[in-house]
Amino acid sequence: MNITKLPSGSYRIRHMVDGVSYSLTVKEKPSKTEAMRLITKKIDRPVTSTSMTVEMACNAYIDAKRNVLSPTTLKEYIGTAKRLPERFKVKRVVNVTSLDVQKVVNDYAARLSPKTVKNYANFIVSVLREQDANIKFPKLPQKEEKIPYIPSVEDVQKVFAQLKDSEHEIAITLCCYGLRRSEVCALTIDDLDGNKLTINKAKVKDVNNEWVIKLPKTPKSTRTIIIPDELADRIREKGYIYKYIPGSICRALHRAEKEAGVPTFPLHKLRHFFASYLYEKGYNSKQIQEMGGWRTDNVMKSVYLHAMNMDEAKEKAASDISSMLTGF
């Protein structure tokens, strides 16, 4: 499908179906989904399974789920569909084989992370199976086993020494209580009751790249946490929690890291820090899961609950086992 702007300011849509080229002109630039609707109407017949291309199938899949997807997921789906190889997008769904899908995945694997490749594969297979295509799930690249970096207590303290009394201090402090950036930026003074803070929304970008307020990431993300009275009083004294765009928090954190002379880490690592620190202090995974708003404890077990003092733990384990074996 091709959408071009004309000298008059209107837009021409061109698309080929079953070897026949169709075109029409509209006043405003349409999305690809809207353009597909207009072309289908002009043809005056639905696009059949034999004529549907992968691109058409992607648009149909996204359009069918548009009202149930979060703005973030919808934006990701649209971007994923747009970035598929052109040679693959123009193929008819009925002609797509499992080998075709494997080739696309293989090309992505040469330049993208295993996690990103898996996301592409899931999307492609879901789109094709929605059209009743008999497609096998492709073989994915081996998952990278990385020890997650988590800032140390000392590094976090040094960073907060630089943030003290700044406009960003409270927002970044709340990230240390397990909040996501999107959750912090969506908070209002009305969400604070005494020392209890209710998290029930998130601030994210929609498909038009505009900041919008939506429901949180998962139903489990809706939760109430308790913050220190001193922090709650500071928020009430200011009359707001954070009034800048989400990106400003990240920039403020990076400046503080540089000034503190600590390794640079992204804002989301403070959420990792929250889980790992509490785990080290003896809180169980169920308690941490609820406070952090995770849907399951799978992610925490694989990433967030990485012991911060692993070397010390290994040494203690060696000593404990040795004592047990020699204690006969």
C-alpha atoms as a PDB file:
ATOM      1  CA  MET A   1       0.000   0.000   0.000  1.00  0.00           C
ATOM      2  CA  ASN A   2       1.264   3.466  -0.893  1.00  0.00           C
ATOM      3  CA  ILE A   3      -0.019   6.759   0.537  1.00  0.00           C
ATOM      4  CA  THR A   4       1.333   9.935  -1.077  1.00  0.00           C
ATOM      5  CA  LYS A   5       0.609  13.593  -0.524  1.00  0.00           C
ATOM      6  CA  LEU A   6      -0.531  15.517  -3.598  1.00  0.00           C
ATOM      7  CA  PRO A   7       0.303  19.169  -4.447  1.00  0.00           C
ATOM      8  CA  SER A   8      -3.287  20.060  -3.582  1.00  0.00           C
ATOM      9  CA  GLY A   9      -2.724  18.917  -0.004  1.00  0.00           C
ATOM     10  CA  SER A  10      -4.905  15.820  -0.319  1.00  0.00           C
ATOM     11  CA  TYR A  11      -3.614  12.227  -0.191  1.00  0.00           C
ATOM     12  CA  ARG A  12      -3.709   9.455  -2.767  1.00  0.00           C
ATOM     13  CA  ILE A  13      -4.011   5.833  -1.645  1.00  0.00           C
ATOM     14  CA  ARG A  14      -2.780   3.148  -4.025  1.00  0.00           C
ATOM     15  CA  HIS A  15      -2.952  -0.578  -3.477  1.00  0.00           C
ATOM     16  CA  MET A  16      -2.861  -3.730  -5.593  1.00  0.00           C
ATOM     17  CA  VAL A  17      -5.255  -6.617  -4.966  1.00  0.00           C
ATOM     18  CA  ASP A  18      -5.281  -9.777  -7.081  1.00  0.00           C
ATOM     19  CA  GLY A  19      -3.083  -8.104  -9.677  1.00  0.00           C
ATOM     20  CA  VAL A  20      -5.413  -5.099 -10.033  1.00  0.00           C
ATOM     21  CA  SER A  21      -4.254  -1.636  -8.904  1.00  0.00           C
ATOM     22  CA  TYR A  22      -6.783   0.516  -7.044  1.00  0.00           C
ATOM     23  CA  SER A  23      -6.450   4.170  -6.055  1.00  0.00           C
ATOM     24  CA  LEU A  24      -8.516   6.877  -4.420  1.00  0.00           C
ATOM     25  CA  THR A  25      -7.983  10.374  -3.021  1.00  0.00           C
ATOM     26  CA  VAL A  26      -8.845  11.640   0.475  1.00  0.00           C
ATOM     27  CA  LYS A  27      -8.550  15.077   2.115  1.00  0.00           C
ATOM     28  CA  GLU A  28      -6.659  14.015   5.252  1.00  0.00           C
ATOM     29  CA  LYS A  29      -3.811  11.546   5.635  1.00  0.00           C
ATOM     30  CA  PRO A  30      -5.292   8.208   6.734  1.00  0.00           C
ATOM     31  CA  SER A  31      -3.667   5.520   8.852  1.00  0.00           C
ATOM     32  CA  LYS A  32      -2.897   2.279   7.037  1.00  0.00           C
ATOM     33  CA  THR A  33      -5.881   0.648   8.713  1.00  0.00           C
ATOM     34  CA  GLU A  34      -8.178   3.461   7.583  1.00  0.00           C
ATOM     35  CA  ALA A  35      -6.705   3.322   4.084  1.00  0.00           C
ATOM     36  CA  MET A  36      -7.363  -0.419   3.933  1.00  0.00           C
ATOM     37  CA  ARG A  37     -10.993   0.147   4.882  1.00  0.00           C
ATOM     38  CA  LEU A  38     -11.381   2.735   2.128  1.00  0.00           C
ATOM     39  CA  ILE A  39      -9.752   0.491  -0.491  1.00  0.00           C
ATOM     40  CA  THR A  40     -11.957  -2.442   0.537  1.00  0.00           C
ATOM     41  CA  LYS A  41     -15.027  -0.228   0.247  1.00  0.00           C
ATOM     42  CA  LYS A  42     -13.935   0.937  -3.207  1.00  0.00           C
ATOM     43  CA  ILE A  43     -13.459  -2.650  -4.357  1.00  0.00           C
ATOM     44  CA  ASP A  44     -16.944  -3.264  -2.959  1.00  0.00           C
ATOM     45  CA  ARG A  45     -16.029  -6.710  -1.682  1.00  0.00           C
ATOM     46  CA  PRO A  46     -14.112  -7.974   1.327  1.00  0.00           C
ATOM     47  CA  VAL A  47     -10.500  -8.935   0.917  1.00  0.00           C
ATOM     48  CA  THR A  48     -10.542 -12.718   0.615  1.00  0.00           C
ATOM     49  CA  SER A  49      -8.180 -15.082   2.354  1.00  0.00           C
ATOM     50  CA  THR A  50      -6.519 -15.813  -0.973  1.00  0.00           C
ATOM     51  CA  SER A  51      -5.821 -12.160  -1.722  1.00  0.00           C
ATOM     52  CA  MET A  52      -4.887 -10.968   1.770  1.00  0.00           C
ATOM     53  CA  THR A  53      -1.264  -9.961   2.167  1.00  0.00           C
ATOM     54  CA  VAL A  54       0.734 -10.153   5.382  1.00  0.00           C
ATOM     55  CA  GLU A  55       0.469  -6.369   5.659  1.00  0.00           C
ATOM     56  CA  MET A  56      -3.321  -6.547   5.381  1.00  0.00           C
ATOM     57  CA  ALA A  57      -3.402  -9.324   7.975  1.00  0.00           C
ATOM     58  CA  CYS A  58      -1.304  -7.206  10.367  1.00  0.00           C
ATOM     59  CA  ASN A  59      -3.655  -4.266   9.990  1.00  0.00           C
ATOM     60  CA  ALA A  60      -6.703  -6.488  10.485  1.00  0.00           C
ATOM     61  CA  TYR A  61      -5.157  -8.072  13.586  1.00  0.00           C
ATOM     62  CA  ILE A  62      -4.323  -4.703  15.133  1.00  0.00           C
ATOM     63  CA  ASP A  63      -7.689  -3.195  14.243  1.00  0.00           C
ATOM     64  CA  ALA A  64      -9.538  -6.125  15.822  1.00  0.00           C
ATOM     65  CA  LYS A  65      -7.731  -5.536  19.118  1.00  0.00           C
ATOM     66  CA  ARG A  66      -7.467  -1.749  19.032  1.00  0.00           C
ATOM     67  CA  ASN A  67      -9.987  -1.083  21.801  1.00  0.00           C
ATOM     68  CA  VAL A  68      -8.665  -3.720  24.201  1.00  0.00           C
ATOM     69  CA  LEU A  69      -4.937  -3.032  23.949  1.00  0.00           C
ATOM     70  CA  SER A  70      -3.132  -0.520  26.129  1.00  0.00           C
ATOM     71  CA  PRO A  71      -1.797   2.572  24.280  1.00  0.00           C
ATOM     72  CA  THR A  72       1.745   1.284  24.763  1.00  0.00           C
ATOM     73  CA  THR A  73       1.017  -2.190  23.370  1.00  0.00           C
ATOM     74  CA  LEU A  74      -0.976  -0.748  20.474  1.00  0.00           C
ATOM     75  CA  LYS A  75       1.927   1.524  19.613  1.00  0.00           C
ATOM     76  CA  GLU A  76       4.343  -1.433  19.768  1.00  0.00           C
ATOM     77  CA  TYR A  77       2.138  -3.558  17.497  1.00  0.00           C
ATOM     78  CA  ILE A  78       1.844  -0.804  14.896  1.00  0.00           C
ATOM     79  CA  GLY A  79       5.600  -0.230  14.976  1.00  0.00           C
ATOM     80  CA  THR A  80       6.320  -3.952  14.710  1.00  0.00           C
ATOM     81  CA  ALA A  81       4.047  -4.325  11.686  1.00  0.00           C
ATOM     82  CA  LYS A  82       5.609  -1.291  10.025  1.00  0.00           C
ATOM     83  CA  ARG A  83       9.157  -2.614  10.472  1.00  0.00           C
ATOM     84  CA  LEU A  84       8.534  -6.038   8.930  1.00  0.00           C
ATOM     85  CA  PRO A  85      10.557  -6.612   5.716  1.00  0.00           C
ATOM     86  CA  GLU A  86       8.768  -5.265   2.641  1.00  0.00           C
ATOM     87  CA  ARG A  87       9.252  -8.526   0.748  1.00  0.00           C
ATOM     88  CA  PHE A  88       7.457 -10.319   3.579  1.00  0.00           C
ATOM     89  CA  LYS A  89       4.641  -7.771   3.968  1.00  0.00           C
ATOM     90  CA  VAL A  90       3.588  -8.102   0.318  1.00  0.00           C
ATOM     91  CA  LYS A  91       3.385 -11.907   0.401  1.00  0.00           C
ATOM     92  CA  ARG A  92      -0.092 -13.376   0.395  1.00  0.00           C
ATOM     93  CA  VAL A  93      -0.927 -15.086   3.653  1.00  0.00           C
ATOM     94  CA  VAL A  94      -1.949 -18.309   1.867  1.00  0.00           C
ATOM     95  CA  ASN A  95       1.551 -18.527   0.386  1.00  0.00           C
ATOM     96  CA  VAL A  96       3.485 -17.892   3.598  1.00  0.00           C
ATOM     97  CA  THR A  97       5.290 -20.963   4.918  1.00  0.00           C
ATOM     98  CA  SER A  98       6.909 -21.717   8.239  1.00  0.00           C
ATOM     99  CA  LEU A  99      10.254 -21.401   6.444  1.00  0.00           C
ATOM    100  CA  ASP A 100       9.371 -17.845   5.355  1.00  0.00           C
ATOM    101  CA  VAL A 101       8.714 -16.909   8.970  1.00  0.00           C
ATOM    102  CA  GLN A 102      11.937 -18.607  10.086  1.00  0.00           C
ATOM    103  CA  LYS A 103      13.923 -16.595   7.537  1.00  0.00           C
ATOM    104  CA  VAL A 104      12.485 -13.316   8.852  1.00  0.00           C
ATOM    105  CA  VAL A 105      13.280 -14.344  12.421  1.00  0.00           C
ATOM    106  CA  ASN A 106      16.779 -15.409  11.376  1.00  0.00           C
ATOM    107  CA  ASP A 107      17.445 -11.988   9.813  1.00  0.00           C
ATOM    108  CA  TYR A 108      16.296 -10.243  12.984  1.00  0.00           C
ATOM    109  CA  ALA A 109      18.436 -12.535  15.149  1.00  0.00           C
ATOM    110  CA  ALA A 110      21.585 -11.226  13.430  1.00  0.00           C
ATOM    111  CA  ARG A 111      21.052  -7.689  14.739  1.00  0.00           C
ATOM    112  CA  LEU A 112      18.485  -7.679  17.545  1.00  0.00           C
ATOM    113  CA  SER A 113      18.375  -9.036  21.094  1.00  0.00           C
ATOM    114  CA  PRO A 114      16.779 -12.466  21.693  1.00  0.00           C
ATOM    115  CA  LYS A 115      13.947 -10.801  23.617  1.00  0.00           C
ATOM    116  CA  THR A 116      13.142  -8.455  20.710  1.00  0.00           C
ATOM    117  CA  VAL A 117      13.334 -11.309  18.204  1.00  0.00           C
ATOM    118  CA  LYS A 118      10.878 -13.298  20.325  1.00  0.00           C
ATOM    119  CA  ASN A 119       8.462 -10.341  20.355  1.00  0.00           C
ATOM    120  CA  TYR A 120       8.584 -10.148  16.550  1.00  0.00           C
ATOM    121  CA  ALA A 121       8.053 -13.901  16.237  1.00  0.00           C
ATOM    122  CA  ASN A 122       5.070 -13.860  18.603  1.00  0.00           C
ATOM    123  CA  PHE A 123       3.450 -11.033  16.649  1.00  0.00           C
ATOM    124  CA  ILE A 124       4.003 -12.607  13.225  1.00  0.00           C
ATOM    125  CA  VAL A 125       2.719 -16.027  14.257  1.00  0.00           C
ATOM    126  CA  SER A 126      -0.314 -14.543  16.031  1.00  0.00           C
ATOM    127  CA  VAL A 127      -1.219 -12.503  12.937  1.00  0.00           C
ATOM    128  CA  LEU A 128      -0.913 -15.462  10.583  1.00  0.00           C
ATOM    129  CA  ARG A 129      -2.737 -17.919  12.823  1.00  0.00           C
ATOM    130  CA  GLU A 130      -5.570 -15.397  13.150  1.00  0.00           C
ATOM    131  CA  GLN A 131      -6.015 -15.975   9.403  1.00  0.00           C
ATOM    132  CA  ASP A 132      -5.981 -19.759   9.979  1.00  0.00           C
ATOM    133  CA  ALA A 133      -2.491 -20.137   8.522  1.00  0.00           C
ATOM    134  CA  ASN A 134      -0.833 -23.397   9.545  1.00  0.00           C
ATOM    135  CA  ILE A 135       2.456 -21.918  10.734  1.00  0.00           C
ATOM    136  CA  LYS A 136       4.931 -23.558  13.085  1.00  0.00           C
ATOM    137  CA  PHE A 137       6.492 -21.349  15.711  1.00  0.00           C
ATOM    138  CA  PRO A 138      10.027 -20.534  14.524  1.00  0.00           C
ATOM    139  CA  LYS A 139      13.198 -21.522  16.313  1.00  0.00           C
ATOM    140  CA  LEU A 140      14.444 -18.568  18.336  1.00  0.00           C
ATOM    141  CA  PRO A 141      17.994 -17.547  19.234  1.00  0.00           C
ATOM    142  CA  GLN A 142      19.246 -18.805  22.572  1.00  0.00           C
ATOM    143  CA  LYS A 143      18.269 -16.543  25.424  1.00  0.00           C
ATOM    144  CA  GLU A 144      21.132 -14.520  26.797  1.00  0.00           C
ATOM    145  CA  GLU A 145      21.914 -15.395  30.388  1.00  0.00           C
ATOM    146  CA  LYS A 146      22.961 -12.136  31.970  1.00  0.00           C
ATOM    147  CA  ILE A 147      23.524 -11.344  35.600  1.00  0.00           C
ATOM    148  CA  PRO A 148      21.364  -8.256  36.056  1.00  0.00           C
ATOM    149  CA  TYR A 149      23.171  -5.140  37.198  1.00  0.00           C
ATOM    150  CA  ILE A 150      21.666  -3.646  40.324  1.00  0.00           C
ATOM    151  CA  PRO A 151      23.038  -0.442  41.881  1.00  0.00           C
ATOM    152  CA  SER A 152      24.582  -0.862  45.302  1.00  0.00           C
ATOM    153  CA  VAL A 153      23.227   0.750  48.444  1.00  0.00           C
ATOM    154  CA  GLU A 154      26.269   3.038  48.518  1.00  0.00           C
ATOM    155  CA  ASP A 155      25.742   4.168  44.914  1.00  0.00           C
ATOM    156  CA  VAL A 156      22.053   4.869  45.519  1.00  0.00           C
ATOM    157  CA  GLN A 157      22.902   6.916  48.604  1.00  0.00           C
ATOM    158  CA  LYS A 158      25.483   8.924  46.671  1.00  0.00           C
ATOM    159  CA  VAL A 159      22.946   9.656  43.934  1.00  0.00           C
ATOM    160  CA  PHE A 160      20.349  10.875  46.422  1.00  0.00           C
ATOM    161  CA  ALA A 161      22.911  13.143  48.035  1.00  0.00           C
ATOM    162  CA  GLN A 162      23.091  14.902  44.659  1.00  0.00           C
ATOM    163  CA  LEU A 163      19.302  14.967  44.244  1.00  0.00           C
ATOM    164  CA  LYS A 164      18.571  16.441  47.679  1.00  0.00           C
ATOM    165  CA  ASP A 165      15.947  19.240  47.579  1.00  0.00           C
ATOM    166  CA  SER A 166      15.698  19.093  43.769  1.00  0.00           C
ATOM    167  CA  GLU A 167      12.408  19.067  41.849  1.00  0.00           C
ATOM    168  CA  HIS A 168      13.062  15.453  40.897  1.00  0.00           C
ATOM    169  CA  GLU A 169      13.993  14.038  44.303  1.00  0.00           C
ATOM    170  CA  ILE A 170      10.502  12.917  45.358  1.00  0.00           C
ATOM    171  CA  ALA A 171       9.744  11.279  41.998  1.00  0.00           C
ATOM    172  CA  ILE A 172      13.006   9.314  41.999  1.00  0.00           C
ATOM    173  CA  THR A 173      12.526   8.434  45.668  1.00  0.00           C
ATOM    174  CA  LEU A 174       9.171   6.825  44.807  1.00  0.00           C
ATOM    175  CA  CYS A 175      10.951   4.657  42.227  1.00  0.00           C
ATOM    176  CA  CYS A 176      12.919   3.218  45.155  1.00  0.00           C
ATOM    177  CA  TYR A 177       9.563   2.126  46.600  1.00  0.00           C
ATOM    178  CA  GLY A 178       8.961  -0.069  43.548  1.00  0.00           C
ATOM    179  CA  LEU A 179       7.023   2.359  41.335  1.00  0.00           C
ATOM    180  CA  ARG A 180       7.475   2.463  37.585  1.00  0.00           C
ATOM    181  CA  ARG A 181       8.218   5.813  35.958  1.00  0.00           C
ATOM    182  CA  SER A 182       4.811   5.762  34.247  1.00  0.00           C
ATOM    183  CA  GLU A 183       3.115   5.258  37.625  1.00  0.00           C
ATOM    184  CA  VAL A 184       5.024   8.072  39.334  1.00  0.00           C
ATOM    185  CA  CYS A 185       4.199  10.562  36.581  1.00  0.00           C
ATOM    186  CA  ALA A 186       0.482   9.706  36.686  1.00  0.00           C
ATOM    187  CA  LEU A 187       0.159  10.304  40.440  1.00  0.00           C
ATOM    188  CA  THR A 188      -1.751  13.304  41.775  1.00  0.00           C
ATOM    189  CA  ILE A 189      -2.064  14.756  45.263  1.00  0.00           C
ATOM    190  CA  ASP A 190      -5.500  13.103  45.482  1.00  0.00           C
ATOM    191  CA  ASP A 191      -3.807   9.693  45.410  1.00  0.00           C
ATOM    192  CA  LEU A 192      -2.212  10.422  48.791  1.00  0.00           C
ATOM    193  CA  ASP A 193      -4.246   9.666  51.918  1.00  0.00           C
ATOM    194  CA  GLY A 194      -2.251  10.094  55.101  1.00  0.00           C
ATOM    195  CA  ASN A 195       0.853   8.037  54.446  1.00  0.00           C
ATOM    196  CA  LYS A 196      -0.876   5.726  51.958  1.00  0.00           C
ATOM    197  CA  LEU A 197      -0.305   6.199  48.255  1.00  0.00           C
ATOM    198  CA  THR A 198      -2.692   4.578  45.753  1.00  0.00           C
ATOM    199  CA  ILE A 199      -1.251   3.537  42.383  1.00  0.00           C
ATOM    200  CA  ASN A 200      -4.060   3.004  39.867  1.00  0.00           C
ATOM    201  CA  LYS A 201      -2.947   4.612  36.600  1.00  0.00           C
ATOM    202  CA  ALA A 202       0.060   5.211  34.358  1.00  0.00           C
ATOM    203  CA  LYS A 203       1.281   7.953  32.035  1.00  0.00           C
ATOM    204  CA  VAL A 204       2.427   6.644  28.645  1.00  0.00           C
ATOM    205  CA  LYS A 205       2.635   7.709  25.007  1.00  0.00           C
ATOM    206  CA  ASP A 206      -0.139   6.677  22.626  1.00  0.00           C
ATOM    207  CA  VAL A 207       0.056   5.879  18.905  1.00  0.00           C
ATOM    208  CA  ASN A 208       0.161   9.617  18.145  1.00  0.00           C
ATOM    209  CA  ASN A 209       3.169  10.054  20.440  1.00  0.00           C
ATOM    210  CA  GLU A 210       1.074  12.050  22.902  1.00  0.00           C
ATOM    211  CA  TRP A 211       1.231  11.535  26.665  1.00  0.00           C
ATOM    212  CA  VAL A 212      -1.980   9.966  27.977  1.00  0.00           C
ATOM    213  CA  ILE A 213      -3.215   8.531  31.281  1.00  0.00           C
ATOM    214  CA  LYS A 214      -4.264   4.871  31.160  1.00  0.00           C
ATOM    215  CA  LEU A 215      -4.896   1.962  33.457  1.00  0.00           C
ATOM    216  CA  PRO A 216      -1.720   0.461  34.959  1.00  0.00           C
ATOM    217  CA  LYS A 217       0.300  -2.259  33.252  1.00  0.00           C
ATOM    218  CA  THR A 218      -1.612  -5.181  34.801  1.00  0.00           C
ATOM    219  CA  PRO A 219      -4.520  -5.533  37.264  1.00  0.00           C
ATOM    220  CA  LYS A 220      -1.937  -6.445  39.928  1.00  0.00           C
ATOM    221  CA  SER A 221      -0.264  -3.075  39.334  1.00  0.00           C
ATOM    222  CA  THR A 222      -3.202  -1.379  41.062  1.00  0.00           C
ATOM    223  CA  ARG A 223      -2.101  -1.264  44.671  1.00  0.00           C
ATOM    224  CA  THR A 224      -1.645   0.869  47.768  1.00  0.00           C
ATOM    225  CA  ILE A 225       1.763   1.397  49.333  1.00  0.00           C
ATOM    226  CA  ILE A 226       2.822   3.077  52.555  1.00  0.00           C
ATOM    227  CA  ILE A 227       5.466   5.796  52.458  1.00  0.00           C
ATOM    228  CA  PRO A 228       7.219   7.532  55.380  1.00  0.00           C
ATOM    229  CA  ASP A 229       5.232  10.313  57.049  1.00  0.00           C
ATOM    230  CA  GLU A 230       8.056  12.734  56.310  1.00  0.00           C
ATOM    231  CA  LEU A 231       7.847  12.002  52.571  1.00  0.00           C
ATOM    232  CA  ALA A 232       4.041  12.292  52.621  1.00  0.00           C
ATOM    233  CA  ASP A 233       4.303  15.674  54.396  1.00  0.00           C
ATOM    234  CA  ARG A 234       6.780  16.936  51.803  1.00  0.00           C
ATOM    235  CA  ILE A 235       4.401  15.974  49.010  1.00  0.00           C
ATOM    236  CA  ARG A 236       1.478  17.763  50.673  1.00  0.00           C
ATOM    237  CA  GLU A 237       3.645  20.825  51.272  1.00  0.00           C
ATOM    238  CA  LYS A 238       4.487  21.000  47.562  1.00  0.00           C
ATOM    239  CA  GLY A 239       0.904  20.269  46.523  1.00  0.00           C
ATOM    240  CA  TYR A 240       1.922  17.873  43.762  1.00  0.00           C
ATOM    241  CA  ILE A 241       4.131  14.845  43.157  1.00  0.00           C
ATOM    242  CA  TYR A 242       5.694  15.515  39.740  1.00  0.00           C
ATOM    243  CA  LYS A 243       4.810  18.117  37.139  1.00  0.00           C
ATOM    244  CA  TYR A 244       7.362  17.471  34.405  1.00  0.00           C
ATOM    245  CA  ILE A 245       7.350  15.045  31.475  1.00  0.00           C
ATOM    246  CA  PRO A 246       8.546  11.508  32.261  1.00  0.00           C
ATOM    247  CA  GLY A 247      11.797  11.926  30.350  1.00  0.00           C
ATOM    248  CA  SER A 248      12.896  14.662  32.747  1.00  0.00           C
ATOM    249  CA  ILE A 249      13.180  12.137  35.592  1.00  0.00           C
ATOM    250  CA  CYS A 250      15.647  10.023  33.620  1.00  0.00           C
ATOM    251  CA  ARG A 251      17.765  13.027  32.663  1.00  0.00           C
ATOM    252  CA  ALA A 252      17.855  14.198  36.286  1.00  0.00           C
ATOM    253  CA  LEU A 253      18.957  10.746  37.445  1.00  0.00           C
ATOM    254  CA  HIS A 254      21.741  10.568  34.867  1.00  0.00           C
ATOM    255  CA  ARG A 255      23.038  14.003  35.895  1.00  0.00           C
ATOM    256  CA  ALA A 256      23.050  12.934  39.546  1.00  0.00           C
ATOM    257  CA  GLU A 257      24.906   9.712  38.695  1.00  0.00           C
ATOM    258  CA  LYS A 258      27.552  11.647  36.821  1.00  0.00           C
ATOM    259  CA  GLU A 259      27.956  14.180  39.632  1.00  0.00           C
ATOM    260  CA  ALA A 260      28.132  11.364  42.201  1.00  0.00           C
ATOM    261  CA  GLY A 261      30.724   9.488  40.169  1.00  0.00           C
ATOM    262  CA  VAL A 262      28.807   6.194  40.202  1.00  0.00           C
ATOM    263  CA  PRO A 263      28.145   3.742  37.338  1.00  0.00           C
ATOM    264  CA  THR A 264      25.341   4.934  35.096  1.00  0.00           C
ATOM    265  CA  PHE A 265      22.107   2.971  35.442  1.00  0.00           C
ATOM    266  CA  PRO A 266      18.600   3.578  34.020  1.00  0.00           C
ATOM    267  CA  LEU A 267      15.707   4.654  36.232  1.00  0.00           C
ATOM    268  CA  HIS A 268      14.019   1.252  36.052  1.00  0.00           C
ATOM    269  CA  LYS A 269      17.011  -0.249  37.875  1.00  0.00           C
ATOM    270  CA  LEU A 270      15.708   1.400  41.043  1.00  0.00           C
ATOM    271  CA  ARG A 271      12.720  -0.946  40.778  1.00  0.00           C
ATOM    272  CA  HIS A 272      15.184  -3.845  40.596  1.00  0.00           C
ATOM    273  CA  PHE A 273      16.977  -2.340  43.591  1.00  0.00           C
ATOM    274  CA  PHE A 274      13.704  -2.177  45.542  1.00  0.00           C
ATOM    275  CA  ALA A 275      12.999  -5.882  45.059  1.00  0.00           C
ATOM    276  CA  SER A 276      16.546  -7.076  45.675  1.00  0.00           C
ATOM    277  CA  TYR A 277      17.066  -4.908  48.743  1.00  0.00           C
ATOM    278  CA  LEU A 278      13.837  -6.085  50.395  1.00  0.00           C
ATOM    279  CA  TYR A 279      14.623  -9.698  49.529  1.00  0.00           C
ATOM    280  CA  GLU A 280      18.021  -9.329  51.148  1.00  0.00           C
ATOM    281  CA  LYS A 281      16.327  -7.870  54.238  1.00  0.00           C
ATOM    282  CA  GLY A 282      14.190 -10.976  54.633  1.00  0.00           C
ATOM    283  CA  TYR A 283      10.903 -10.080  52.901  1.00  0.00           C
ATOM    284  CA  ASN A 284       9.404 -13.006  51.007  1.00  0.00           C
ATOM    285  CA  SER A 285       8.651 -12.949  47.287  1.00  0.00           C
ATOM    286  CA  LYS A 286       4.870 -12.758  47.845  1.00  0.00           C
ATOM    287  CA  GLN A 287       5.214  -9.587  49.928  1.00  0.00           C
ATOM    288  CA  ILE A 288       7.582  -7.974  47.432  1.00  0.00           C
ATOM    289  CA  GLN A 289       5.351  -9.015  44.518  1.00  0.00           C
ATOM    290  CA  GLU A 290       2.330  -7.285  46.036  1.00  0.00           C
ATOM    291  CA  MET A 291       4.193  -4.104  47.013  1.00  0.00           C
ATOM    292  CA  GLY A 292       5.769  -3.816  43.566  1.00  0.00           C
ATOM    293  CA  GLY A 293       2.616  -4.668  41.634  1.00  0.00           C
ATOM    294  CA  TRP A 294       4.031  -7.618  39.690  1.00  0.00           C
ATOM    295  CA  ARG A 295       1.488  -9.976  38.145  1.00  0.00           C
ATOM    296  CA  THR A 296       3.526 -13.072  39.044  1.00  0.00           C
ATOM    297  CA  ASP A 297       6.781 -13.734  40.828  1.00  0.00           C
ATOM    298  CA  ASN A 298       8.387 -15.252  37.710  1.00  0.00           C
ATOM    299  CA  VAL A 299      10.154 -12.040  36.717  1.00  0.00           C
ATOM    300  CA  MET A 300      11.387 -11.434  40.244  1.00  0.00           C
ATOM    301  CA  LYS A 301      12.783 -14.949  40.507  1.00  0.00           C
ATOM    302  CA  SER A 302      14.659 -14.643  37.220  1.00  0.00           C
ATOM    303  CA  VAL A 303      15.784 -11.017  37.424  1.00  0.00           C
ATOM    304  CA  TYR A 304      14.853  -8.835  40.361  1.00  0.00           C
ATOM    305  CA  LEU A 305      15.767 -11.111  43.254  1.00  0.00           C
ATOM    306  CA  HIS A 306      19.399 -11.416  42.266  1.00  0.00           C
ATOM    307  CA  ALA A 307      21.283 -11.366  45.568  1.00  0.00           C
ATOM    308  CA  MET A 308      23.147  -8.075  45.958  1.00  0.00           C
ATOM    309  CA  ASN A 309      25.918  -9.713  48.009  1.00  0.00           C
ATOM    310  CA  MET A 310      26.283 -12.885  45.956  1.00  0.00           C
ATOM    311  CA  ASP A 311      29.996 -13.331  46.618  1.00  0.00           C
ATOM    312  CA  GLU A 312      29.400 -13.149  50.371  1.00  0.00           C
ATOM    313  CA  ALA A 313      26.511 -15.599  50.034  1.00  0.00           C
ATOM    314  CA  LYS A 314      28.742 -18.059  48.143  1.00  0.00           C
ATOM    315  CA  GLU A 315      31.441 -17.846  50.791  1.00  0.00           C
ATOM    316  CA  LYS A 316      28.923 -18.416  53.588  1.00  0.00           C
ATOM    317  CA  ALA A 317      27.395 -21.364  51.713  1.00  0.00           C
ATOM    318  CA  ALA A 318      30.825 -22.970  51.314  1.00  0.00           C
ATOM    319  CA  SER A 319      31.498 -22.525  55.031  1.00  0.00           C
ATOM    320  CA  ASP A 320      28.081 -23.828  56.093  1.00  0.00           C
ATOM    321  CA  ILE A 321      28.295 -26.942  53.941  1.00  0.00           C
ATOM    322  CA  SER A 322      31.852 -27.613  55.105  1.00  0.00           C
ATOM    323  CA  SER A 323      30.768 -27.325  58.736  1.00  0.00           C
ATOM    324  CA  MET A 324      27.923 -29.717  58.112  1.00  0.00           C
ATOM    325  CA  LEU A 325      30.154 -32.311  56.425  1.00  0.00           C
ATOM    326  CA  THR A 326      32.839 -32.178  59.106  1.00  0.00           C
ATOM    327  CA  GLY A 327      30.374 -32.199  61.978  1.00  0.00           C
ATOM    328  CA  PHE A 328      29.899 -35.956  62.078  1.00  0.00           C
END
